[in-house]
Amino acid sequence: MLRSLWLLLPATLIGAAVGFVTGVAIGWSRAAGYWVHPLLRVVGPVPAVAWIPIAFFVFPTSHSASTFLIALATFFPVAVLTYSGVAAVSSAYYDVARTMGASPWFLIRRVAVPAALPSVFVGLFMGLGASFSVLVVAEMLGVKAGLGWYMQWAQGWAAYANMYAALIVMALMCSTLIALLFHLRDRVLVWQRGLVRW
């Protein structure tokens, strides 16, 4: 479980951070939207597991390839929902802030991002779920430790009780991480606390 977390958490954070920055850039900048959005529309819908042969060929180790795949699975929903959240911010908010002398950086940091945070958290929930599915596949294929690897090992030895136990541990781990993310969401989005429960 610790090895799975060691692989999952950094990769998910990398994917979420890159997706957040990409989504804000596309939603705010017309140039970024012109150049990056078409690429996102073409590459993003491809499932992360479809990139497994390329990832294991390009990256030097199975750990780095698995990190890339998990980050990619997290990146797409966070980028798309962050972009949609920033693009949906009412222009009246920007006009009021500009009237008071706000700079473009202030508009991004204090107007666009806070208004888009509900959409960002939806993307984070979707990205976390996608990263779990990719984690299991990546550990079964290349990584030599973790819950996915253990499930395959137990299946190979017909130790089905161990395999079911690994499934239960994985379900508990996923549920705990989602509950922690909900707790963070309730702390950040105080005005929406209790709107969606886990």
Protein backbone atom coordinates (compact mmCIF):
# COMPACT_ATOMS: atom_id res chain seq x y z
CA MET A 1 0.00 0.00 0.00
CA LEU A 2 2.82 2.39 0.84
CA ARG A 3 4.52 1.68 -2.48
CA SER A 4 1.26 2.38 -4.30
CA LEU A 5 0.85 5.65 -2.43
CA TRP A 6 4.49 6.52 -3.15
CA LEU A 7 3.72 6.15 -6.85
CA LEU A 8 0.19 7.58 -6.86
CA LEU A 9 0.47 10.78 -4.83
CA PRO A 10 3.44 12.50 -6.55
CA ALA A 11 2.17 11.55 -10.01
CA THR A 12 -1.34 12.80 -9.21
CA LEU A 13 0.02 16.07 -7.81
CA ILE A 14 2.17 16.60 -10.91
CA GLY A 15 -0.75 15.92 -13.24
CA ALA A 16 -3.09 18.14 -11.23
CA ALA A 17 -0.60 21.03 -11.12
CA VAL A 18 0.16 20.87 -14.85
CA GLY A 19 -3.54 20.49 -15.65
CA PHE A 20 -4.46 23.45 -13.46
CA VAL A 21 -1.86 25.72 -15.05
CA THR A 22 -2.85 24.56 -18.54
CA GLY A 23 -6.55 25.09 -17.85
CA VAL A 24 -6.00 28.60 -16.47
CA ALA A 25 -3.79 29.47 -19.45
CA ILE A 26 -6.35 28.23 -21.99
CA GLY A 27 -9.26 29.90 -20.21
CA TRP A 28 -7.46 33.23 -19.79
CA SER A 29 -5.24 33.65 -22.85
CA ARG A 30 -6.55 33.59 -26.39
CA ALA A 31 -3.11 32.65 -27.70
CA ALA A 32 -2.89 29.67 -25.35
CA GLY A 33 -6.43 28.70 -26.28
CA TYR A 34 -5.57 28.89 -29.97
CA TRP A 35 -2.45 26.73 -29.74
CA VAL A 36 -3.05 24.42 -26.78
CA HIS A 37 -6.79 23.77 -26.86
CA PRO A 38 -6.78 21.83 -30.18
CA LEU A 39 -3.94 19.65 -28.88
CA LEU A 40 -5.88 19.04 -25.67
CA ARG A 41 -8.96 18.05 -27.66
CA VAL A 42 -7.01 15.54 -29.75
CA VAL A 43 -4.70 14.01 -27.13
CA GLY A 44 -6.84 14.34 -24.00
CA PRO A 45 -9.70 11.92 -24.76
CA VAL A 46 -7.25 9.07 -25.50
CA PRO A 47 -7.23 6.84 -22.39
CA ALA A 48 -3.99 6.99 -20.45
CA VAL A 49 -3.62 3.22 -20.61
CA ALA A 50 -3.46 3.47 -24.41
CA TRP A 51 -0.12 5.28 -23.99
CA ILE A 52 1.43 2.33 -22.11
CA PRO A 53 3.53 0.97 -25.02
CA ILE A 54 4.91 4.44 -25.82
CA ALA A 55 5.52 5.31 -22.17
CA PHE A 56 7.44 2.13 -21.43
CA PHE A 57 9.48 2.64 -24.60
CA VAL A 58 10.29 6.34 -24.04
CA PHE A 59 10.95 6.43 -20.30
CA PRO A 60 14.06 4.78 -18.85
CA THR A 61 12.39 3.02 -15.92
CA SER A 62 9.00 1.49 -15.30
CA HIS A 63 8.53 3.79 -12.31
CA SER A 64 8.96 6.95 -14.40
CA ALA A 65 6.70 5.54 -17.13
CA SER A 66 4.01 4.74 -14.54
CA THR A 67 4.37 8.23 -13.05
CA PHE A 68 3.83 9.74 -16.50
CA LEU A 69 0.73 7.62 -17.14
CA ILE A 70 -0.87 8.46 -13.80
CA ALA A 71 -0.06 12.16 -14.23
CA LEU A 72 -1.56 12.07 -17.73
CA ALA A 73 -4.76 10.48 -16.42
CA THR A 74 -5.08 13.26 -13.83
CA PHE A 75 -4.05 16.05 -16.19
CA PHE A 76 -6.91 15.89 -18.70
CA PRO A 77 -9.99 16.26 -16.43
CA VAL A 78 -8.28 18.92 -14.31
CA ALA A 79 -7.23 20.91 -17.39
CA VAL A 80 -10.63 20.72 -19.09
CA LEU A 81 -12.68 21.60 -16.02
CA THR A 82 -10.30 24.37 -14.94
CA TYR A 83 -10.51 25.81 -18.45
CA SER A 84 -14.31 25.66 -18.44
CA GLY A 85 -14.44 27.23 -14.97
CA VAL A 86 -12.19 30.15 -15.94
CA ALA A 87 -14.01 30.67 -19.24
CA ALA A 88 -17.39 30.75 -17.45
CA VAL A 89 -16.45 33.59 -15.08
CA SER A 90 -18.73 36.55 -15.66
CA SER A 91 -17.08 39.49 -17.42
CA ALA A 92 -18.77 41.79 -14.89
CA TYR A 93 -16.35 40.53 -12.21
CA TYR A 94 -13.39 41.53 -14.37
CA ASP A 95 -14.93 44.90 -15.18
CA VAL A 96 -15.46 45.74 -11.51
CA ALA A 97 -11.89 44.71 -10.65
CA ARG A 98 -10.43 46.72 -13.57
CA THR A 99 -12.42 49.76 -12.45
CA MET A 100 -10.61 49.52 -9.12
CA GLY A 101 -7.22 49.32 -10.88
CA ALA A 102 -6.60 45.58 -10.85
CA SER A 103 -3.67 44.25 -12.87
CA PRO A 104 -3.99 41.19 -15.17
CA TRP A 105 -2.13 39.06 -12.62
CA PHE A 106 -4.56 40.20 -9.92
CA LEU A 107 -7.50 39.32 -12.16
CA ILE A 108 -6.15 35.79 -12.64
CA ARG A 109 -5.17 35.22 -9.02
CA ARG A 110 -8.06 36.89 -7.19
CA VAL A 111 -10.97 36.76 -9.66
CA ALA A 112 -10.62 33.98 -12.25
CA VAL A 113 -9.11 31.23 -10.09
CA PRO A 114 -11.40 31.64 -7.04
CA ALA A 115 -14.49 31.73 -9.27
CA ALA A 116 -13.30 28.59 -11.11
CA LEU A 117 -12.44 26.59 -7.96
CA PRO A 118 -15.71 24.56 -7.88
CA SER A 119 -14.96 23.30 -11.38
CA VAL A 120 -11.32 22.69 -10.45
CA PHE A 121 -12.35 20.41 -7.59
CA VAL A 122 -14.69 18.46 -9.85
CA GLY A 123 -11.71 17.91 -12.14
CA LEU A 124 -9.59 16.81 -9.18
CA PHE A 125 -12.19 14.23 -8.14
CA MET A 126 -12.39 12.88 -11.69
CA GLY A 127 -8.60 12.89 -12.02
CA LEU A 128 -8.14 11.00 -8.76
CA GLY A 129 -10.53 8.27 -9.90
CA ALA A 130 -8.78 8.00 -13.27
CA SER A 131 -5.37 7.89 -11.62
CA PHE A 132 -6.42 4.90 -9.49
CA SER A 133 -7.43 2.87 -12.53
CA VAL A 134 -4.16 3.68 -14.28
CA LEU A 135 -2.21 2.90 -11.09
CA VAL A 136 -3.52 -0.67 -11.00
CA VAL A 137 -2.78 -1.27 -14.70
CA ALA A 138 0.70 0.29 -14.48
CA GLU A 139 1.62 -1.79 -11.43
CA MET A 140 0.41 -4.96 -13.10
CA LEU A 141 2.52 -4.31 -16.18
CA GLY A 142 5.79 -2.80 -15.10
CA VAL A 143 6.22 -1.89 -11.46
CA LYS A 144 7.57 -4.61 -9.16
CA ALA A 145 5.67 -3.56 -6.04
CA GLY A 146 2.35 -2.11 -4.99
CA LEU A 147 -1.24 -3.29 -4.73
CA GLY A 148 -1.70 -3.90 -8.46
CA TRP A 149 1.45 -5.99 -8.60
CA TYR A 150 0.40 -7.85 -5.46
CA MET A 151 -3.01 -8.65 -6.95
CA GLN A 152 -1.41 -10.11 -10.05
CA TRP A 153 1.09 -12.07 -7.95
CA ALA A 154 -1.71 -13.47 -5.76
CA GLN A 155 -3.74 -14.41 -8.82
CA GLY A 156 -0.72 -16.22 -10.31
CA TRP A 157 -0.40 -18.32 -7.17
CA ALA A 158 -4.18 -18.86 -6.93
CA ALA A 159 -4.18 -17.04 -3.58
CA TYR A 160 -7.62 -15.58 -4.16
CA ALA A 161 -8.15 -14.61 -0.54
CA ASN A 162 -5.04 -12.40 -0.76
CA MET A 163 -6.29 -10.92 -4.02
CA TYR A 164 -9.67 -10.02 -2.53
CA ALA A 165 -7.93 -8.55 0.50
CA ALA A 166 -5.84 -6.34 -1.81
CA LEU A 167 -9.05 -5.21 -3.53
CA ILE A 168 -10.56 -4.24 -0.18
CA VAL A 169 -7.40 -2.35 0.82
CA MET A 170 -7.41 -0.55 -2.51
CA ALA A 171 -11.08 0.41 -2.12
CA LEU A 172 -10.43 1.73 1.38
CA MET A 173 -7.39 3.68 0.19
CA CYS A 174 -9.33 5.26 -2.68
CA SER A 175 -12.27 6.11 -0.43
CA THR A 176 -9.95 7.67 2.17
CA LEU A 177 -8.18 9.85 -0.41
CA ILE A 178 -11.51 11.03 -1.85
CA ALA A 179 -12.75 11.81 1.68
CA LEU A 180 -9.58 13.85 2.32
CA LEU A 181 -10.14 15.70 -0.96
CA PHE A 182 -13.73 16.43 0.06
CA HIS A 183 -12.45 17.75 3.39
CA LEU A 184 -10.00 20.04 1.56
CA ARG A 185 -12.80 21.17 -0.73
CA ASP A 186 -15.01 22.05 2.25
CA ARG A 187 -12.16 24.04 3.79
CA VAL A 188 -11.42 25.97 0.58
CA LEU A 189 -15.01 26.41 -0.63
CA VAL A 190 -16.59 27.35 2.68
CA TRP A 191 -19.73 28.73 1.02
CA GLN A 192 -20.43 25.30 -0.55
CA ARG A 193 -19.77 23.19 2.54
CA GLY A 194 -22.23 20.31 2.82
CA LEU A 195 -23.59 20.81 -0.71
CA VAL A 196 -22.08 17.49 -1.85
CA ARG A 197 -21.36 14.82 0.74
CA TRP A 198 -19.10 11.74 0.65
